[in-house]
Amino acid sequence: QVQLVESGGGLVQAGGSLRLSCAASGITFSLYTMTWYHQAPGKQRELVASIGSDGSTNYADSVKGRFTIDRDNAKNTVYLQMNSLEPEDTSVYYCNANHSWHPSLRYWGQGTQVTVSS
């Protein structure tokens, strides 16, 4: 059974930092591209940052220079370090695992709420 469990969300003031974690089980973690998405109320789910099985990274323009994604294959965990948070970052953040060579193997976590107060 595949599980992606996010943690680290919470309430923070603007300018503050949070570090999200997503622990995976039931998959060969190193073979998966790991992606963080966010979804604000009434809006579509959007990509925040991704990291490939080769360690390559990709960021949404809105978070470049503020957020950093990294992964620890030994711990089956992907992280999202979020600095200089803005109220506009308020959202539910979801972890996604997508097999690098079999796109049909795709899994989601349950989400973690991030709220940034002004």
N, C-alpha and C. Protein backbone atom coordinates (compact mmCIF):
# COMPACT_ATOMS: atom_id res chain seq x y z
N GLN A 1 0.85 -1.20 0.00
CA GLN A 1 0.00 0.00 0.00
C GLN A 1 0.88 1.24 0.00
N VAL A 2 0.61 2.13 -0.94
CA VAL A 2 1.40 3.35 -1.06
C VAL A 2 0.84 4.42 -0.13
N GLN A 3 1.72 5.06 0.59
CA GLN A 3 1.33 6.17 1.45
C GLN A 3 2.30 7.32 1.28
N LEU A 4 1.76 8.51 1.17
CA LEU A 4 2.54 9.74 1.21
C LEU A 4 1.97 10.56 2.37
N VAL A 5 2.80 10.85 3.34
CA VAL A 5 2.34 11.54 4.53
C VAL A 5 3.08 12.86 4.67
N GLU A 6 2.32 13.95 4.50
CA GLU A 6 2.92 15.28 4.63
C GLU A 6 2.87 15.75 6.08
N SER A 7 3.82 16.58 6.43
CA SER A 7 3.84 17.20 7.75
C SER A 7 4.61 18.51 7.66
N GLY A 8 4.48 19.32 8.72
CA GLY A 8 5.25 20.55 8.79
C GLY A 8 4.46 21.81 8.50
N GLY A 9 3.21 21.66 8.10
CA GLY A 9 2.41 22.85 7.86
C GLY A 9 2.05 23.54 9.16
N GLY A 10 1.46 24.73 9.02
CA GLY A 10 1.05 25.47 10.20
C GLY A 10 0.80 26.92 9.90
N LEU A 11 0.75 27.71 10.96
CA LEU A 11 0.51 29.15 10.86
C LEU A 11 1.82 29.89 11.11
N VAL A 12 2.13 30.81 10.22
CA VAL A 12 3.38 31.57 10.35
C VAL A 12 3.12 33.00 9.89
N GLN A 13 3.88 33.92 10.44
CA GLN A 13 3.76 35.32 10.01
C GLN A 13 4.50 35.54 8.70
N ALA A 14 4.06 36.53 7.97
CA ALA A 14 4.74 36.90 6.72
C ALA A 14 6.22 37.15 6.99
N GLY A 15 7.05 36.63 6.09
CA GLY A 15 8.49 36.73 6.27
C GLY A 15 9.10 35.54 6.98
N GLY A 16 8.25 34.70 7.54
CA GLY A 16 8.73 33.54 8.27
C GLY A 16 9.02 32.36 7.36
N SER A 17 9.36 31.24 8.00
CA SER A 17 9.76 30.03 7.28
C SER A 17 9.03 28.81 7.81
N LEU A 18 8.85 27.86 6.92
CA LEU A 18 8.35 26.54 7.29
C LEU A 18 9.10 25.50 6.45
N ARG A 19 9.20 24.31 6.99
CA ARG A 19 9.79 23.19 6.25
C ARG A 19 8.78 22.06 6.22
N LEU A 20 8.30 21.76 5.03
CA LEU A 20 7.36 20.66 4.85
C LEU A 20 8.14 19.37 4.57
N SER A 21 7.59 18.28 5.03
CA SER A 21 8.15 16.96 4.77
C SER A 21 7.07 16.06 4.18
N CYS A 22 7.49 15.14 3.34
CA CYS A 22 6.59 14.15 2.79
C CYS A 22 7.31 12.81 2.85
N ALA A 23 6.81 11.93 3.71
CA ALA A 23 7.41 10.62 3.87
C ALA A 23 6.64 9.60 3.05
N ALA A 24 7.35 8.88 2.21
CA ALA A 24 6.72 7.91 1.31
C ALA A 24 6.98 6.48 1.79
N SER A 25 6.01 5.63 1.56
CA SER A 25 6.17 4.20 1.82
C SER A 25 5.41 3.43 0.75
N GLY A 26 5.87 2.21 0.50
CA GLY A 26 5.19 1.37 -0.49
C GLY A 26 5.64 1.60 -1.92
N ILE A 27 6.63 2.45 -2.13
CA ILE A 27 7.18 2.69 -3.46
C ILE A 27 8.70 2.64 -3.40
N THR A 28 9.32 2.42 -4.56
CA THR A 28 10.78 2.54 -4.66
C THR A 28 11.06 4.01 -4.87
N PHE A 29 11.24 4.70 -3.77
CA PHE A 29 11.25 6.17 -3.75
C PHE A 29 12.23 6.77 -4.75
N SER A 30 13.39 6.19 -4.88
CA SER A 30 14.43 6.78 -5.73
C SER A 30 14.04 6.81 -7.21
N LEU A 31 13.03 6.04 -7.61
CA LEU A 31 12.61 6.00 -9.00
C LEU A 31 11.51 7.00 -9.33
N TYR A 32 11.11 7.76 -8.34
CA TYR A 32 9.97 8.66 -8.51
C TYR A 32 10.39 10.12 -8.54
N THR A 33 9.75 10.87 -9.44
CA THR A 33 9.80 12.32 -9.38
C THR A 33 8.84 12.76 -8.28
N MET A 34 9.33 13.61 -7.41
CA MET A 34 8.53 14.08 -6.29
C MET A 34 8.18 15.55 -6.50
N THR A 35 6.94 15.88 -6.31
CA THR A 35 6.47 17.22 -6.60
C THR A 35 5.59 17.73 -5.46
N TRP A 36 5.77 19.00 -5.16
CA TRP A 36 4.87 19.70 -4.25
C TRP A 36 3.93 20.56 -5.09
N TYR A 37 2.64 20.44 -4.79
CA TYR A 37 1.61 21.28 -5.38
C TYR A 37 0.94 22.07 -4.25
N HIS A 38 0.27 23.14 -4.63
CA HIS A 38 -0.60 23.80 -3.67
C HIS A 38 -1.93 24.13 -4.32
N GLN A 39 -2.93 24.22 -3.45
CA GLN A 39 -4.28 24.52 -3.92
C GLN A 39 -4.96 25.42 -2.91
N ALA A 40 -5.24 26.64 -3.34
CA ALA A 40 -5.97 27.59 -2.51
C ALA A 40 -7.46 27.39 -2.74
N PRO A 41 -8.30 27.81 -1.80
CA PRO A 41 -9.74 27.64 -1.96
C PRO A 41 -10.24 28.28 -3.26
N GLY A 42 -11.00 27.51 -4.01
CA GLY A 42 -11.58 28.03 -5.24
C GLY A 42 -10.63 28.11 -6.41
N LYS A 43 -9.41 27.61 -6.22
CA LYS A 43 -8.42 27.67 -7.29
C LYS A 43 -7.96 26.27 -7.68
N GLN A 44 -7.33 26.20 -8.84
CA GLN A 44 -6.80 24.92 -9.30
C GLN A 44 -5.52 24.58 -8.56
N ARG A 45 -5.25 23.28 -8.50
CA ARG A 45 -4.00 22.83 -7.91
C ARG A 45 -2.85 23.21 -8.84
N GLU A 46 -1.80 23.77 -8.28
CA GLU A 46 -0.69 24.28 -9.07
C GLU A 46 0.63 23.70 -8.57
N LEU A 47 1.54 23.50 -9.51
CA LEU A 47 2.87 23.01 -9.17
C LEU A 47 3.64 24.09 -8.42
N VAL A 48 4.30 23.67 -7.35
CA VAL A 48 5.18 24.57 -6.60
C VAL A 48 6.64 24.27 -6.94
N ALA A 49 7.01 22.99 -6.78
CA ALA A 49 8.40 22.59 -7.04
C ALA A 49 8.44 21.08 -7.24
N SER A 50 9.38 20.66 -8.06
CA SER A 50 9.56 19.23 -8.28
C SER A 50 11.03 18.88 -8.25
N ILE A 51 11.29 17.61 -7.94
CA ILE A 51 12.67 17.11 -7.97
C ILE A 51 12.64 15.72 -8.59
N GLY A 52 13.45 15.55 -9.63
CA GLY A 52 13.48 14.29 -10.33
C GLY A 52 14.28 13.22 -9.61
N SER A 53 14.21 12.02 -10.17
CA SER A 53 14.98 10.92 -9.60
C SER A 53 16.48 11.18 -9.75
N ASP A 54 16.82 12.06 -10.71
CA ASP A 54 18.23 12.42 -10.91
C ASP A 54 18.64 13.65 -10.10
N GLY A 55 17.71 14.18 -9.32
CA GLY A 55 18.00 15.34 -8.49
C GLY A 55 17.76 16.67 -9.16
N SER A 56 17.34 16.66 -10.41
CA SER A 56 17.04 17.91 -11.10
C SER A 56 15.80 18.55 -10.49
N THR A 57 15.78 19.87 -10.45
CA THR A 57 14.69 20.58 -9.80
C THR A 57 14.01 21.55 -10.74
N ASN A 58 12.77 21.87 -10.40
CA ASN A 58 11.97 22.81 -11.17
C ASN A 58 11.09 23.56 -10.19
N TYR A 59 10.95 24.87 -10.40
CA TYR A 59 10.18 25.71 -9.48
C TYR A 59 9.19 26.58 -10.24
N ALA A 60 8.06 26.84 -9.60
CA ALA A 60 7.16 27.86 -10.11
C ALA A 60 7.85 29.21 -9.97
N ASP A 61 7.57 30.11 -10.91
CA ASP A 61 8.23 31.43 -10.88
C ASP A 61 7.95 32.15 -9.56
N SER A 62 6.78 31.93 -9.00
CA SER A 62 6.38 32.67 -7.80
C SER A 62 7.18 32.29 -6.56
N VAL A 63 7.87 31.16 -6.60
CA VAL A 63 8.60 30.72 -5.42
C VAL A 63 10.11 30.66 -5.64
N LYS A 64 10.56 30.93 -6.85
CA LYS A 64 12.00 30.89 -7.12
C LYS A 64 12.74 31.85 -6.20
N GLY A 65 13.82 31.36 -5.61
CA GLY A 65 14.61 32.17 -4.71
C GLY A 65 14.10 32.16 -3.28
N ARG A 66 12.90 31.62 -3.05
CA ARG A 66 12.35 31.57 -1.70
C ARG A 66 12.18 30.14 -1.20
N PHE A 67 11.83 29.23 -2.09
CA PHE A 67 11.57 27.84 -1.70
C PHE A 67 12.69 26.95 -2.27
N THR A 68 12.98 25.89 -1.53
CA THR A 68 13.95 24.90 -1.98
C THR A 68 13.40 23.50 -1.75
N ILE A 69 13.44 22.69 -2.79
CA ILE A 69 13.01 21.30 -2.68
C ILE A 69 14.25 20.42 -2.64
N ASP A 70 14.21 19.43 -1.78
CA ASP A 70 15.28 18.43 -1.79
C ASP A 70 14.72 17.10 -1.32
N ARG A 71 15.52 16.06 -1.50
CA ARG A 71 15.05 14.72 -1.18
C ARG A 71 16.15 13.94 -0.49
N ASP A 72 15.72 13.01 0.35
CA ASP A 72 16.64 12.09 1.02
C ASP A 72 16.15 10.68 0.68
N ASN A 73 16.80 10.06 -0.28
CA ASN A 73 16.36 8.75 -0.73
C ASN A 73 16.53 7.69 0.36
N ALA A 74 17.48 7.89 1.25
CA ALA A 74 17.68 6.93 2.33
C ALA A 74 16.51 6.95 3.31
N LYS A 75 15.85 8.10 3.40
CA LYS A 75 14.71 8.25 4.33
C LYS A 75 13.37 8.24 3.60
N ASN A 76 13.41 8.08 2.28
CA ASN A 76 12.16 8.09 1.48
C ASN A 76 11.34 9.34 1.74
N THR A 77 12.03 10.46 1.80
CA THR A 77 11.38 11.71 2.18
C THR A 77 11.79 12.84 1.25
N VAL A 78 10.81 13.66 0.91
CA VAL A 78 11.06 14.89 0.16
C VAL A 78 10.68 16.06 1.05
N TYR A 79 11.43 17.13 0.91
CA TYR A 79 11.25 18.32 1.75
C TYR A 79 10.96 19.55 0.89
N LEU A 80 10.30 20.50 1.48
CA LEU A 80 10.13 21.81 0.86
C LEU A 80 10.43 22.86 1.92
N GLN A 81 11.58 23.50 1.76
CA GLN A 81 11.95 24.60 2.65
C GLN A 81 11.35 25.87 2.08
N MET A 82 10.52 26.51 2.87
CA MET A 82 9.82 27.71 2.43
C MET A 82 10.27 28.90 3.27
N ASN A 83 10.94 29.84 2.65
CA ASN A 83 11.42 31.04 3.32
C ASN A 83 10.71 32.26 2.78
N SER A 84 10.82 33.34 3.51
CA SER A 84 10.21 34.62 3.09
C SER A 84 8.76 34.41 2.68
N LEU A 85 8.03 33.73 3.52
CA LEU A 85 6.65 33.40 3.18
C LEU A 85 5.79 34.65 3.08
N GLU A 86 4.85 34.59 2.17
CA GLU A 86 3.93 35.69 1.89
C GLU A 86 2.49 35.21 2.11
N PRO A 87 1.58 36.13 2.43
CA PRO A 87 0.18 35.70 2.59
C PRO A 87 -0.35 34.94 1.38
N GLU A 88 0.16 35.29 0.21
CA GLU A 88 -0.28 34.61 -1.02
C GLU A 88 0.14 33.14 -1.07
N ASP A 89 1.05 32.74 -0.20
CA ASP A 89 1.47 31.34 -0.14
C ASP A 89 0.48 30.49 0.66
N THR A 90 -0.49 31.13 1.30
CA THR A 90 -1.48 30.39 2.06
C THR A 90 -2.23 29.42 1.17
N SER A 91 -2.21 28.14 1.56
CA SER A 91 -2.78 27.11 0.71
C SER A 91 -2.66 25.76 1.40
N VAL A 92 -3.31 24.77 0.81
CA VAL A 92 -3.02 23.39 1.19
C VAL A 92 -1.93 22.88 0.26
N TYR A 93 -0.90 22.30 0.85
CA TYR A 93 0.23 21.80 0.07
C TYR A 93 0.16 20.28 0.01
N TYR A 94 0.26 19.76 -1.21
CA TYR A 94 0.14 18.33 -1.46
C TYR A 94 1.46 17.78 -2.01
N CYS A 95 1.78 16.61 -1.60
CA CYS A 95 2.93 15.88 -2.11
C CYS A 95 2.46 14.89 -3.17
N ASN A 96 3.21 14.81 -4.24
CA ASN A 96 2.89 13.91 -5.34
C ASN A 96 4.11 13.08 -5.71
N ALA A 97 3.87 11.81 -5.96
CA ALA A 97 4.94 10.92 -6.44
C ALA A 97 4.55 10.39 -7.81
N ASN A 98 5.43 10.55 -8.77
CA ASN A 98 5.17 10.10 -10.13
C ASN A 98 6.38 9.31 -10.62
N HIS A 99 6.14 8.03 -10.99
CA HIS A 99 7.24 7.19 -11.44
C HIS A 99 7.91 7.83 -12.67
N SER A 100 9.20 7.86 -12.65
CA SER A 100 9.93 8.58 -13.70
C SER A 100 9.76 7.96 -15.08
N TRP A 101 9.46 6.65 -15.13
CA TRP A 101 9.34 5.99 -16.43
C TRP A 101 7.97 5.39 -16.68
N HIS A 102 7.12 5.36 -15.69
CA HIS A 102 5.76 4.83 -15.82
C HIS A 102 4.79 5.87 -15.28
N PRO A 103 4.41 6.84 -16.10
CA PRO A 103 3.58 7.97 -15.62
C PRO A 103 2.26 7.56 -15.01
N SER A 104 1.78 6.36 -15.32
CA SER A 104 0.51 5.93 -14.74
C SER A 104 0.63 5.63 -13.25
N LEU A 105 1.84 5.46 -12.77
CA LEU A 105 2.07 5.24 -11.34
C LEU A 105 2.21 6.61 -10.69
N ARG A 106 1.10 7.08 -10.13
CA ARG A 106 1.03 8.45 -9.62
C ARG A 106 0.24 8.43 -8.32
N TYR A 107 0.78 9.05 -7.29
CA TYR A 107 0.17 9.00 -5.97
C TYR A 107 0.18 10.38 -5.33
N TRP A 108 -0.82 10.59 -4.44
CA TRP A 108 -0.97 11.87 -3.76
C TRP A 108 -1.01 11.67 -2.24
N GLY A 109 -0.50 12.66 -1.54
CA GLY A 109 -0.68 12.72 -0.11
C GLY A 109 -2.00 13.40 0.23
N GLN A 110 -2.25 13.52 1.53
CA GLN A 110 -3.53 14.06 1.98
C GLN A 110 -3.52 15.57 2.10
N GLY A 111 -2.34 16.16 2.05
CA GLY A 111 -2.22 17.62 2.11
C GLY A 111 -1.93 18.12 3.51
N THR A 112 -1.28 19.27 3.57
CA THR A 112 -1.01 19.95 4.83
C THR A 112 -1.26 21.44 4.63
N GLN A 113 -1.92 22.03 5.60
CA GLN A 113 -2.32 23.44 5.49
C GLN A 113 -1.17 24.35 5.88
N VAL A 114 -0.93 25.34 5.04
CA VAL A 114 0.02 26.41 5.35
C VAL A 114 -0.75 27.72 5.35
N THR A 115 -0.68 28.45 6.44
CA THR A 115 -1.36 29.74 6.54
C THR A 115 -0.33 30.79 6.92
N VAL A 116 -0.26 31.83 6.09
CA VAL A 116 0.68 32.92 6.33
C VAL A 116 -0.11 34.17 6.65
N SER A 117 0.08 34.70 7.83
CA SER A 117 -0.64 35.89 8.26
C SER A 117 0.16 37.15 7.92
N SER A 118 -0.57 38.21 7.62
CA SER A 118 0.11 39.47 7.24
C SER A 118 0.39 40.32 8.46
